[in-house]
Amino acid sequence: MGRGQKVAYRQLRVTVIEVATATVREHGSSSLTVRKIAQKIGCAVGTIYNVFSSLDEIILRVNGVTLSELKSRLLADTRQDDDAVTGLIRLGQSYVVFCRENYNLWSLVLEHKLAPGNTLPEWHQQQIDELFLLVARMVVPLVEDDTERAERAARVLWAGLHGICALAVSGKLDIIHAESAEVLAESLVRNYVRGLRTEDV
């Protein structure tokens, strides 16, 4: 493959991901097909399959964009001078707002399932691990620098926040007459942190 071909290959990958992300953002995951992407780009379906093995791979890349944007938002909304509890509350509420503002993209993250026998690519797993690490670093001071406990706490908090966001974006919080997702997120963080502090008492 010549240099020009390599550049064209890379550019097509970028364009496909951009178009797929914009399509999901505007119209939802049900609108995402390789044929529709090809039509918007103005190329043949087979051309896209020359650079992506399947629609599944494209979806993983779109989800990667979403996770990258989420990480950037969380970093922007937390402050270095926050104490651990304030930082965790701020992070949790930022997570909720991001999911609400990016409903279609976040729904794709929630709904997408790999085909049987497939596993998450290493690059995608690393993105997920980095999000957990953001929380774990904030938790460490609350558990006397016990890294193992901090990582476990981070996973519990993420699972709880993930559940709140899943209910919020699906509209099911209204069904159970719950308070706003932001209020629930703050309550989750405050009460879980209170439990962490009393575990060894």
N, C-alpha and C. Protein backbone atom coordinates (compact mmCIF):
# COMPACT_ATOMS: atom_id res chain seq x y z
N MET A 1 0.85 -1.20 0.00
CA MET A 1 0.00 0.00 0.00
C MET A 1 0.88 1.24 0.00
N GLY A 2 0.70 2.11 -1.00
CA GLY A 2 1.50 3.31 -1.10
C GLY A 2 1.10 4.34 -0.07
N ARG A 3 1.93 5.40 0.04
CA ARG A 3 1.66 6.43 1.05
C ARG A 3 0.30 7.08 0.82
N GLY A 4 -0.03 7.38 -0.45
CA GLY A 4 -1.32 7.99 -0.75
C GLY A 4 -2.47 7.10 -0.36
N GLN A 5 -2.32 5.80 -0.58
CA GLN A 5 -3.37 4.86 -0.21
C GLN A 5 -3.55 4.80 1.30
N LYS A 6 -2.42 4.85 2.04
CA LYS A 6 -2.49 4.81 3.50
C LYS A 6 -3.20 6.04 4.04
N VAL A 7 -2.92 7.20 3.45
CA VAL A 7 -3.57 8.43 3.89
C VAL A 7 -5.07 8.35 3.62
N ALA A 8 -5.43 7.85 2.44
CA ALA A 8 -6.84 7.71 2.08
C ALA A 8 -7.54 6.72 3.00
N TYR A 9 -6.86 5.64 3.34
CA TYR A 9 -7.39 4.62 4.25
C TYR A 9 -7.68 5.23 5.62
N ARG A 10 -6.70 5.98 6.16
CA ARG A 10 -6.87 6.60 7.47
C ARG A 10 -7.98 7.63 7.44
N GLN A 11 -8.03 8.42 6.37
CA GLN A 11 -9.04 9.46 6.26
C GLN A 11 -10.43 8.86 6.17
N LEU A 12 -10.56 7.76 5.45
CA LEU A 12 -11.87 7.10 5.33
C LEU A 12 -12.32 6.58 6.69
N ARG A 13 -11.41 6.00 7.45
CA ARG A 13 -11.76 5.53 8.80
C ARG A 13 -12.27 6.68 9.67
N VAL A 14 -11.54 7.78 9.62
CA VAL A 14 -11.94 8.96 10.41
C VAL A 14 -13.31 9.45 9.98
N THR A 15 -13.52 9.53 8.67
CA THR A 15 -14.79 10.03 8.14
C THR A 15 -15.95 9.12 8.53
N VAL A 16 -15.74 7.82 8.43
CA VAL A 16 -16.80 6.87 8.79
C VAL A 16 -17.18 7.03 10.25
N ILE A 17 -16.19 7.15 11.14
CA ILE A 17 -16.46 7.30 12.57
C ILE A 17 -17.19 8.62 12.83
N GLU A 18 -16.76 9.67 12.18
CA GLU A 18 -17.41 10.98 12.36
C GLU A 18 -18.87 10.94 11.91
N VAL A 19 -19.11 10.36 10.74
CA VAL A 19 -20.47 10.27 10.21
C VAL A 19 -21.33 9.37 11.09
N ALA A 20 -20.78 8.25 11.52
CA ALA A 20 -21.53 7.32 12.37
C ALA A 20 -21.88 7.98 13.70
N THR A 21 -20.92 8.69 14.28
CA THR A 21 -21.16 9.37 15.56
C THR A 21 -22.24 10.43 15.41
N ALA A 22 -22.15 11.23 14.36
CA ALA A 22 -23.14 12.29 14.12
C ALA A 22 -24.52 11.69 13.88
N THR A 23 -24.58 10.56 13.18
CA THR A 23 -25.86 9.91 12.89
C THR A 23 -26.53 9.43 14.17
N VAL A 24 -25.75 8.78 15.04
CA VAL A 24 -26.32 8.30 16.30
C VAL A 24 -26.71 9.47 17.19
N ARG A 25 -25.86 10.48 17.25
CA ARG A 25 -26.15 11.65 18.08
C ARG A 25 -27.49 12.29 17.70
N GLU A 26 -27.76 12.36 16.40
CA GLU A 26 -28.96 13.05 15.93
C GLU A 26 -30.18 12.15 15.84
N HIS A 27 -29.98 10.89 15.43
CA HIS A 27 -31.13 10.05 15.11
C HIS A 27 -31.25 8.78 15.97
N GLY A 28 -30.25 8.47 16.78
CA GLY A 28 -30.31 7.27 17.60
C GLY A 28 -29.66 6.07 16.93
N SER A 29 -29.43 5.03 17.72
CA SER A 29 -28.68 3.87 17.24
C SER A 29 -29.41 3.08 16.16
N SER A 30 -30.74 3.10 16.16
CA SER A 30 -31.49 2.32 15.17
C SER A 30 -31.27 2.84 13.75
N SER A 31 -30.77 4.06 13.64
CA SER A 31 -30.56 4.66 12.32
C SER A 31 -29.19 4.31 11.74
N LEU A 32 -28.36 3.62 12.52
CA LEU A 32 -26.99 3.38 12.10
C LEU A 32 -26.86 2.07 11.33
N THR A 33 -26.60 2.18 10.05
CA THR A 33 -26.30 1.03 9.19
C THR A 33 -25.13 1.39 8.30
N VAL A 34 -24.42 0.38 7.83
CA VAL A 34 -23.30 0.63 6.94
C VAL A 34 -23.80 1.26 5.64
N ARG A 35 -24.96 0.83 5.18
CA ARG A 35 -25.50 1.38 3.93
C ARG A 35 -25.77 2.89 4.07
N LYS A 36 -26.35 3.29 5.20
CA LYS A 36 -26.63 4.72 5.40
C LYS A 36 -25.35 5.53 5.52
N ILE A 37 -24.35 4.96 6.18
CA ILE A 37 -23.06 5.65 6.29
C ILE A 37 -22.47 5.84 4.90
N ALA A 38 -22.51 4.78 4.10
CA ALA A 38 -21.97 4.84 2.74
C ALA A 38 -22.68 5.90 1.90
N GLN A 39 -24.00 5.97 2.04
CA GLN A 39 -24.78 6.96 1.29
C GLN A 39 -24.38 8.38 1.68
N LYS A 40 -24.18 8.62 2.98
CA LYS A 40 -23.82 9.96 3.44
C LYS A 40 -22.42 10.35 2.98
N ILE A 41 -21.52 9.37 2.94
CA ILE A 41 -20.15 9.66 2.53
C ILE A 41 -20.05 9.75 1.00
N GLY A 42 -20.92 8.98 0.34
CA GLY A 42 -20.87 8.95 -1.11
C GLY A 42 -19.92 7.91 -1.65
N CYS A 43 -19.92 6.73 -0.99
CA CYS A 43 -19.06 5.64 -1.45
C CYS A 43 -19.85 4.33 -1.43
N ALA A 44 -19.23 3.28 -1.91
CA ALA A 44 -19.88 1.98 -1.92
C ALA A 44 -19.79 1.33 -0.54
N VAL A 45 -20.78 0.48 -0.23
CA VAL A 45 -20.76 -0.25 1.05
C VAL A 45 -19.47 -1.06 1.17
N GLY A 46 -19.07 -1.68 0.07
CA GLY A 46 -17.86 -2.50 0.10
C GLY A 46 -16.61 -1.71 0.45
N THR A 47 -16.60 -0.43 0.10
CA THR A 47 -15.45 0.42 0.42
C THR A 47 -15.29 0.55 1.94
N ILE A 48 -16.42 0.68 2.63
CA ILE A 48 -16.36 0.78 4.09
C ILE A 48 -15.88 -0.53 4.69
N TYR A 49 -16.33 -1.65 4.11
CA TYR A 49 -15.89 -2.95 4.62
C TYR A 49 -14.43 -3.24 4.31
N ASN A 50 -13.82 -2.40 3.48
CA ASN A 50 -12.38 -2.52 3.26
C ASN A 50 -11.58 -1.98 4.44
N VAL A 51 -12.21 -1.09 5.23
CA VAL A 51 -11.49 -0.48 6.36
C VAL A 51 -12.07 -0.86 7.72
N PHE A 52 -13.29 -1.40 7.75
CA PHE A 52 -13.89 -1.90 8.98
C PHE A 52 -14.40 -3.32 8.73
N SER A 53 -14.18 -4.18 9.67
CA SER A 53 -14.57 -5.58 9.48
C SER A 53 -16.08 -5.78 9.58
N SER A 54 -16.75 -4.91 10.33
CA SER A 54 -18.19 -5.09 10.56
C SER A 54 -18.79 -3.81 11.13
N LEU A 55 -20.12 -3.77 11.18
CA LEU A 55 -20.80 -2.65 11.85
C LEU A 55 -20.44 -2.65 13.33
N ASP A 56 -20.23 -3.83 13.90
CA ASP A 56 -19.85 -3.95 15.31
C ASP A 56 -18.58 -3.14 15.59
N GLU A 57 -17.62 -3.22 14.70
CA GLU A 57 -16.37 -2.48 14.90
C GLU A 57 -16.61 -0.98 14.84
N ILE A 58 -17.48 -0.55 13.93
CA ILE A 58 -17.80 0.88 13.83
C ILE A 58 -18.48 1.35 15.11
N ILE A 59 -19.40 0.54 15.64
CA ILE A 59 -20.09 0.91 16.87
C ILE A 59 -19.11 1.03 18.03
N LEU A 60 -18.16 0.12 18.11
CA LEU A 60 -17.15 0.21 19.17
C LEU A 60 -16.36 1.52 19.07
N ARG A 61 -16.07 1.94 17.85
CA ARG A 61 -15.33 3.19 17.66
C ARG A 61 -16.19 4.39 18.04
N VAL A 62 -17.48 4.33 17.70
CA VAL A 62 -18.40 5.41 18.12
C VAL A 62 -18.47 5.46 19.64
N ASN A 63 -18.60 4.29 20.27
CA ASN A 63 -18.62 4.26 21.74
C ASN A 63 -17.31 4.76 22.32
N GLY A 64 -16.22 4.51 21.61
CA GLY A 64 -14.93 5.03 22.06
C GLY A 64 -14.91 6.55 22.05
N VAL A 65 -15.51 7.14 21.04
CA VAL A 65 -15.62 8.61 20.98
C VAL A 65 -16.42 9.11 22.17
N THR A 66 -17.54 8.43 22.46
CA THR A 66 -18.40 8.84 23.58
C THR A 66 -17.64 8.76 24.90
N LEU A 67 -16.92 7.67 25.12
CA LEU A 67 -16.18 7.52 26.37
C LEU A 67 -15.07 8.56 26.48
N SER A 68 -14.45 8.89 25.37
CA SER A 68 -13.40 9.92 25.37
C SER A 68 -14.00 11.28 25.73
N GLU A 69 -15.17 11.59 25.17
CA GLU A 69 -15.84 12.85 25.48
C GLU A 69 -16.27 12.88 26.94
N LEU A 70 -16.73 11.74 27.45
CA LEU A 70 -17.13 11.67 28.86
C LEU A 70 -15.93 11.92 29.77
N LYS A 71 -14.81 11.30 29.47
CA LYS A 71 -13.62 11.51 30.29
C LYS A 71 -13.21 12.98 30.29
N SER A 72 -13.24 13.60 29.13
CA SER A 72 -12.87 15.02 29.04
C SER A 72 -13.81 15.89 29.87
N ARG A 73 -15.11 15.56 29.82
CA ARG A 73 -16.09 16.32 30.61
C ARG A 73 -15.84 16.15 32.10
N LEU A 74 -15.59 14.92 32.54
CA LEU A 74 -15.36 14.67 33.96
C LEU A 74 -14.12 15.40 34.45
N LEU A 75 -13.07 15.38 33.65
CA LEU A 75 -11.84 16.07 34.03
C LEU A 75 -12.06 17.58 34.10
N ALA A 76 -12.85 18.10 33.17
CA ALA A 76 -13.11 19.54 33.13
C ALA A 76 -13.97 20.00 34.30
N ASP A 77 -14.86 19.10 34.77
CA ASP A 77 -15.82 19.49 35.81
C ASP A 77 -15.34 19.21 37.23
N THR A 78 -14.20 18.56 37.39
CA THR A 78 -13.66 18.34 38.73
C THR A 78 -12.48 19.29 38.96
N ARG A 79 -12.22 19.59 40.22
CA ARG A 79 -11.18 20.56 40.56
C ARG A 79 -10.15 19.92 41.47
N GLN A 80 -8.91 20.29 41.27
CA GLN A 80 -7.82 19.71 42.04
C GLN A 80 -7.93 20.03 43.53
N ASP A 81 -8.53 21.18 43.87
CA ASP A 81 -8.59 21.56 45.27
C ASP A 81 -9.84 21.03 45.98
N ASP A 82 -10.67 20.24 45.26
CA ASP A 82 -11.84 19.63 45.91
C ASP A 82 -11.40 18.57 46.91
N ASP A 83 -12.11 18.49 48.05
CA ASP A 83 -11.88 17.34 48.92
C ASP A 83 -12.52 16.13 48.24
N ALA A 84 -12.22 14.93 48.77
CA ALA A 84 -12.64 13.70 48.10
C ALA A 84 -14.15 13.62 47.90
N VAL A 85 -14.92 13.95 48.93
CA VAL A 85 -16.38 13.83 48.84
C VAL A 85 -16.94 14.82 47.83
N THR A 86 -16.49 16.08 47.91
CA THR A 86 -16.96 17.10 46.96
C THR A 86 -16.60 16.71 45.53
N GLY A 87 -15.38 16.21 45.36
CA GLY A 87 -14.94 15.80 44.03
C GLY A 87 -15.78 14.66 43.48
N LEU A 88 -16.09 13.69 44.32
CA LEU A 88 -16.90 12.55 43.87
C LEU A 88 -18.33 12.98 43.53
N ILE A 89 -18.89 13.88 44.34
CA ILE A 89 -20.24 14.38 44.05
C ILE A 89 -20.23 15.15 42.74
N ARG A 90 -19.23 16.00 42.57
CA ARG A 90 -19.14 16.78 41.34
C ARG A 90 -18.99 15.85 40.12
N LEU A 91 -18.18 14.83 40.28
CA LEU A 91 -17.97 13.88 39.19
C LEU A 91 -19.26 13.13 38.87
N GLY A 92 -19.96 12.68 39.92
CA GLY A 92 -21.20 11.95 39.71
C GLY A 92 -22.25 12.78 39.00
N GLN A 93 -22.38 14.03 39.39
CA GLN A 93 -23.38 14.89 38.76
C GLN A 93 -22.97 15.25 37.33
N SER A 94 -21.67 15.39 37.10
CA SER A 94 -21.19 15.64 35.75
C SER A 94 -21.51 14.46 34.84
N TYR A 95 -21.36 13.28 35.38
CA TYR A 95 -21.68 12.05 34.65
C TYR A 95 -23.15 12.03 34.26
N VAL A 96 -24.01 12.36 35.20
CA VAL A 96 -25.45 12.37 34.93
C VAL A 96 -25.80 13.38 33.84
N VAL A 97 -25.24 14.58 33.94
CA VAL A 97 -25.53 15.63 32.95
C VAL A 97 -25.04 15.21 31.57
N PHE A 98 -23.85 14.63 31.52
CA PHE A 98 -23.31 14.18 30.23
C PHE A 98 -24.23 13.16 29.59
N CYS A 99 -24.69 12.21 30.37
CA CYS A 99 -25.56 11.16 29.83
C CYS A 99 -26.87 11.74 29.32
N ARG A 100 -27.40 12.73 30.04
CA ARG A 100 -28.65 13.36 29.61
C ARG A 100 -28.44 14.16 28.32
N GLU A 101 -27.35 14.90 28.25
CA GLU A 101 -27.08 15.73 27.08
C GLU A 101 -26.71 14.91 25.84
N ASN A 102 -26.23 13.72 26.07
CA ASN A 102 -25.81 12.84 24.97
C ASN A 102 -26.61 11.54 24.99
N TYR A 103 -27.91 11.71 25.09
CA TYR A 103 -28.83 10.58 25.28
C TYR A 103 -28.62 9.47 24.27
N ASN A 104 -28.61 9.80 23.00
CA ASN A 104 -28.52 8.76 21.97
C ASN A 104 -27.17 8.04 21.99
N LEU A 105 -26.10 8.81 22.15
CA LEU A 105 -24.78 8.20 22.18
C LEU A 105 -24.61 7.33 23.42
N TRP A 106 -25.09 7.83 24.56
CA TRP A 106 -24.94 7.05 25.78
C TRP A 106 -25.83 5.80 25.74
N SER A 107 -26.98 5.90 25.12
CA SER A 107 -27.86 4.74 24.97
C SER A 107 -27.16 3.64 24.16
N LEU A 108 -26.40 4.04 23.15
CA LEU A 108 -25.65 3.06 22.36
C LEU A 108 -24.61 2.35 23.22
N VAL A 109 -23.94 3.11 24.09
CA VAL A 109 -22.97 2.50 25.01
C VAL A 109 -23.67 1.46 25.90
N LEU A 110 -24.86 1.82 26.39
CA LEU A 110 -25.59 0.93 27.28
C LEU A 110 -26.12 -0.31 26.55
N GLU A 111 -26.58 -0.12 25.34
CA GLU A 111 -27.32 -1.18 24.65
C GLU A 111 -26.44 -2.12 23.85
N HIS A 112 -25.28 -1.66 23.43
CA HIS A 112 -24.49 -2.48 22.51
C HIS A 112 -23.94 -3.73 23.18
N LYS A 113 -24.11 -4.86 22.50
CA LYS A 113 -23.56 -6.14 22.97
C LYS A 113 -22.71 -6.74 21.88
N LEU A 114 -21.56 -7.22 22.27
CA LEU A 114 -20.67 -7.86 21.31
C LEU A 114 -21.28 -9.17 20.82
N ALA A 115 -20.94 -9.54 19.61
CA ALA A 115 -21.38 -10.83 19.09
C ALA A 115 -20.78 -11.95 19.94
N PRO A 116 -21.49 -13.07 20.08
CA PRO A 116 -20.98 -14.19 20.89
C PRO A 116 -19.56 -14.59 20.48
N GLY A 117 -18.72 -14.77 21.49
CA GLY A 117 -17.34 -15.18 21.23
C GLY A 117 -16.37 -14.02 21.08
N ASN A 118 -16.89 -12.81 20.92
CA ASN A 118 -16.01 -11.64 20.79
C ASN A 118 -15.71 -11.03 22.15
N THR A 119 -14.59 -10.37 22.27
CA THR A 119 -14.21 -9.68 23.50
C THR A 119 -13.89 -8.23 23.17
N LEU A 120 -13.95 -7.38 24.19
CA LEU A 120 -13.63 -5.97 23.98
C LEU A 120 -12.18 -5.81 23.53
N PRO A 121 -11.92 -4.98 22.53
CA PRO A 121 -10.53 -4.71 22.15
C PRO A 121 -9.78 -4.07 23.31
N GLU A 122 -8.49 -4.26 23.33
CA GLU A 122 -7.67 -3.73 24.43
C GLU A 122 -7.80 -2.22 24.56
N TRP A 123 -7.84 -1.51 23.42
CA TRP A 123 -7.92 -0.05 23.47
C TRP A 123 -9.22 0.42 24.13
N HIS A 124 -10.31 -0.35 23.90
CA HIS A 124 -11.60 0.02 24.46
C HIS A 124 -11.66 -0.29 25.95
N GLN A 125 -11.10 -1.43 26.34
CA GLN A 125 -11.04 -1.78 27.75
C GLN A 125 -10.21 -0.76 28.52
N GLN A 126 -9.15 -0.27 27.89
CA GLN A 126 -8.31 0.74 28.53
C GLN A 126 -9.09 2.02 28.79
N GLN A 127 -9.95 2.41 27.85
CA GLN A 127 -10.78 3.60 28.06
C GLN A 127 -11.67 3.43 29.30
N ILE A 128 -12.28 2.26 29.43
CA ILE A 128 -13.14 1.98 30.57
C ILE A 128 -12.34 2.00 31.87
N ASP A 129 -11.16 1.38 31.83
CA ASP A 129 -10.30 1.33 33.02
C ASP A 129 -9.89 2.74 33.45
N GLU A 130 -9.64 3.61 32.49
CA GLU A 130 -9.23 4.98 32.82
C GLU A 130 -10.35 5.74 33.52
N LEU A 131 -11.60 5.47 33.15
CA LEU A 131 -12.73 6.10 33.82
C LEU A 131 -12.82 5.63 35.27
N PHE A 132 -12.63 4.33 35.47
CA PHE A 132 -12.63 3.81 36.85
C PHE A 132 -11.50 4.44 37.66
N LEU A 133 -10.35 4.64 37.01
CA LEU A 133 -9.19 5.19 37.71
C LEU A 133 -9.46 6.61 38.20
N LEU A 134 -10.24 7.38 37.44
CA LEU A 134 -10.60 8.74 37.89
C LEU A 134 -11.28 8.69 39.25
N VAL A 135 -12.20 7.74 39.40
CA VAL A 135 -12.92 7.62 40.66
C VAL A 135 -12.01 7.04 41.74
N ALA A 136 -11.26 6.02 41.40
CA ALA A 136 -10.40 5.36 42.39
C ALA A 136 -9.42 6.34 43.02
N ARG A 137 -8.88 7.25 42.22
CA ARG A 137 -7.92 8.23 42.75
C ARG A 137 -8.58 9.13 43.78
N MET A 138 -9.86 9.45 43.59
CA MET A 138 -10.56 10.29 44.55
C MET A 138 -10.90 9.53 45.83
N VAL A 139 -11.09 8.22 45.68
CA VAL A 139 -11.50 7.41 46.83
C VAL A 139 -10.33 7.08 47.74
N VAL A 140 -9.12 7.00 47.20
CA VAL A 140 -7.94 6.56 47.95
C VAL A 140 -7.80 7.25 49.31
N PRO A 141 -7.94 8.59 49.40
CA PRO A 141 -7.79 9.23 50.71
C PRO A 141 -8.84 8.80 51.73
N LEU A 142 -9.96 8.27 51.25
CA LEU A 142 -11.05 7.87 52.15
C LEU A 142 -10.85 6.48 52.73
N VAL A 143 -9.91 5.73 52.17
CA VAL A 143 -9.70 4.34 52.62
C VAL A 143 -8.26 4.14 53.06
N GLU A 144 -7.66 5.21 53.55
CA GLU A 144 -6.30 5.16 54.10
C GLU A 144 -5.31 4.58 53.10
N ASP A 145 -5.43 5.07 51.87
CA ASP A 145 -4.50 4.69 50.79
C ASP A 145 -4.49 3.20 50.48
N ASP A 146 -5.59 2.51 50.76
CA ASP A 146 -5.72 1.09 50.42
C ASP A 146 -6.19 1.00 48.96
N THR A 147 -5.27 0.71 48.05
CA THR A 147 -5.58 0.72 46.62
C THR A 147 -6.65 -0.30 46.26
N GLU A 148 -6.59 -1.47 46.86
CA GLU A 148 -7.57 -2.51 46.54
C GLU A 148 -8.98 -2.08 46.93
N ARG A 149 -9.11 -1.51 48.13
CA ARG A 149 -10.43 -1.02 48.56
C ARG A 149 -10.90 0.14 47.71
N ALA A 150 -9.96 0.99 47.32
CA ALA A 150 -10.31 2.15 46.48
C ALA A 150 -10.84 1.69 45.13
N GLU A 151 -10.20 0.69 44.54
CA GLU A 151 -10.65 0.19 43.24
C GLU A 151 -12.02 -0.47 43.35
N ARG A 152 -12.22 -1.22 44.44
CA ARG A 152 -13.54 -1.85 44.64
C ARG A 152 -14.62 -0.79 44.83
N ALA A 153 -14.31 0.23 45.63
CA ALA A 153 -15.27 1.31 45.87
C ALA A 153 -15.58 2.05 44.57
N ALA A 154 -14.55 2.27 43.76
CA ALA A 154 -14.77 2.96 42.48
C ALA A 154 -15.72 2.17 41.60
N ARG A 155 -15.59 0.87 41.58
CA ARG A 155 -16.46 0.04 40.75
C ARG A 155 -17.90 0.05 41.28
N VAL A 156 -18.04 0.05 42.59
CA VAL A 156 -19.38 0.12 43.18
C VAL A 156 -20.04 1.45 42.82
N LEU A 157 -19.29 2.54 42.99
CA LEU A 157 -19.85 3.86 42.68
C LEU A 157 -20.20 3.98 41.20
N TRP A 158 -19.30 3.50 40.32
CA TRP A 158 -19.59 3.57 38.89
C TRP A 158 -20.84 2.76 38.57
N ALA A 159 -20.96 1.56 39.17
CA ALA A 159 -22.12 0.73 38.91
C ALA A 159 -23.40 1.44 39.35
N GLY A 160 -23.35 2.08 40.53
CA GLY A 160 -24.51 2.80 41.03
C GLY A 160 -24.88 3.99 40.15
N LEU A 161 -23.87 4.78 39.77
CA LEU A 161 -24.11 5.93 38.90
C LEU A 161 -24.58 5.49 37.52
N HIS A 162 -24.01 4.40 37.05
CA HIS A 162 -24.40 3.84 35.76
C HIS A 162 -25.88 3.46 35.79
N GLY A 163 -26.30 2.85 36.89
CA GLY A 163 -27.71 2.46 37.03
C GLY A 163 -28.63 3.67 37.05
N ILE A 164 -28.24 4.69 37.80
CA ILE A 164 -29.04 5.92 37.85
C ILE A 164 -29.16 6.53 36.46
N CYS A 165 -28.03 6.59 35.74
CA CYS A 165 -28.05 7.18 34.39
C CYS A 165 -28.89 6.33 33.44
N ALA A 166 -28.79 5.02 33.56
CA ALA A 166 -29.58 4.13 32.69
C ALA A 166 -31.07 4.37 32.89
N LEU A 167 -31.48 4.51 34.15
CA LEU A 167 -32.89 4.80 34.44
C LEU A 167 -33.28 6.18 33.95
N ALA A 168 -32.37 7.13 34.12
CA ALA A 168 -32.68 8.51 33.73
C ALA A 168 -32.85 8.64 32.22
N VAL A 169 -31.90 8.08 31.45
CA VAL A 169 -31.96 8.25 30.00
C VAL A 169 -33.10 7.46 29.38
N SER A 170 -33.56 6.42 30.07
CA SER A 170 -34.68 5.63 29.55
C SER A 170 -36.04 6.16 30.01
N GLY A 171 -36.01 7.20 30.88
CA GLY A 171 -37.25 7.79 31.36
C GLY A 171 -37.91 7.01 32.48
N LYS A 172 -37.23 6.02 33.04
CA LYS A 172 -37.85 5.15 34.04
C LYS A 172 -37.79 5.71 35.46
N LEU A 173 -37.00 6.77 35.66
CA LEU A 173 -37.02 7.40 36.97
C LEU A 173 -38.40 8.01 37.25
N ASP A 174 -39.03 8.52 36.19
CA ASP A 174 -40.37 9.10 36.35
C ASP A 174 -41.38 8.03 36.75
N ILE A 175 -41.19 6.83 36.22
CA ILE A 175 -42.13 5.74 36.51
C ILE A 175 -42.13 5.38 37.99
N ILE A 176 -40.92 5.41 38.60
CA ILE A 176 -40.84 5.04 40.01
C ILE A 176 -40.93 6.28 40.92
N HIS A 177 -41.29 7.42 40.32
CA HIS A 177 -41.46 8.67 41.07
C HIS A 177 -40.21 9.02 41.88
N ALA A 178 -39.06 8.82 41.27
CA ALA A 178 -37.80 9.11 41.95
C ALA A 178 -37.47 10.60 41.83
N GLU A 179 -36.56 11.04 42.69
CA GLU A 179 -36.06 12.41 42.58
C GLU A 179 -35.16 12.51 41.35
N SER A 180 -34.67 13.70 41.07
CA SER A 180 -33.85 13.88 39.88
C SER A 180 -32.59 13.03 39.97
N ALA A 181 -32.05 12.70 38.80
CA ALA A 181 -30.84 11.88 38.75
C ALA A 181 -29.69 12.54 39.50
N GLU A 182 -29.59 13.88 39.41
CA GLU A 182 -28.51 14.57 40.12
C GLU A 182 -28.64 14.40 41.63
N VAL A 183 -29.87 14.49 42.15
CA VAL A 183 -30.10 14.31 43.59
C VAL A 183 -29.77 12.89 44.00
N LEU A 184 -30.17 11.92 43.19
CA LEU A 184 -29.88 10.53 43.50
C LEU A 184 -28.38 10.26 43.46
N ALA A 185 -27.69 10.86 42.50
CA ALA A 185 -26.24 10.67 42.40
C ALA A 185 -25.53 11.21 43.64
N GLU A 186 -25.94 12.39 44.08
CA GLU A 186 -25.31 12.96 45.28
C GLU A 186 -25.61 12.10 46.51
N SER A 187 -26.83 11.62 46.62
CA SER A 187 -27.20 10.77 47.76
C SER A 187 -26.40 9.48 47.75
N LEU A 188 -26.24 8.90 46.57
CA LEU A 188 -25.45 7.67 46.45
C LEU A 188 -24.03 7.89 46.94
N VAL A 189 -23.41 8.96 46.46
CA VAL A 189 -22.02 9.23 46.83
C VAL A 189 -21.89 9.49 48.32
N ARG A 190 -22.73 10.37 48.88
CA ARG A 190 -22.63 10.72 50.29
C ARG A 190 -22.82 9.49 51.19
N ASN A 191 -23.81 8.69 50.88
CA ASN A 191 -24.10 7.55 51.74
C ASN A 191 -23.08 6.42 51.58
N TYR A 192 -22.59 6.24 50.37
CA TYR A 192 -21.57 5.21 50.18
C TYR A 192 -20.27 5.62 50.86
N VAL A 193 -19.90 6.89 50.73
CA VAL A 193 -18.68 7.37 51.40
C VAL A 193 -18.82 7.24 52.92
N ARG A 194 -20.02 7.55 53.43
CA ARG A 194 -20.24 7.40 54.87
C ARG A 194 -20.03 5.94 55.29
N GLY A 195 -20.48 5.04 54.47
CA GLY A 195 -20.27 3.62 54.77
C GLY A 195 -18.81 3.23 54.72
N LEU A 196 -18.08 3.78 53.73
CA LEU A 196 -16.64 3.48 53.64
C LEU A 196 -15.91 3.89 54.91
N ARG A 197 -16.28 5.06 55.42
CA ARG A 197 -15.58 5.60 56.58
C ARG A 197 -15.87 4.81 57.86
N THR A 198 -16.96 4.09 57.87
CA THR A 198 -17.32 3.36 59.09
C THR A 198 -17.09 1.85 58.96
N GLU A 199 -16.56 1.39 57.82
CA GLU A 199 -16.35 -0.03 57.60
C GLU A 199 -15.49 -0.66 58.68
N ASP A 200 -14.42 0.05 59.06
CA ASP A 200 -13.46 -0.52 60.00
C ASP A 200 -13.68 -0.09 61.44
N VAL A 201 -14.75 0.65 61.65
CA VAL A 201 -15.01 1.13 63.02
C VAL A 201 -15.59 0.01 63.87
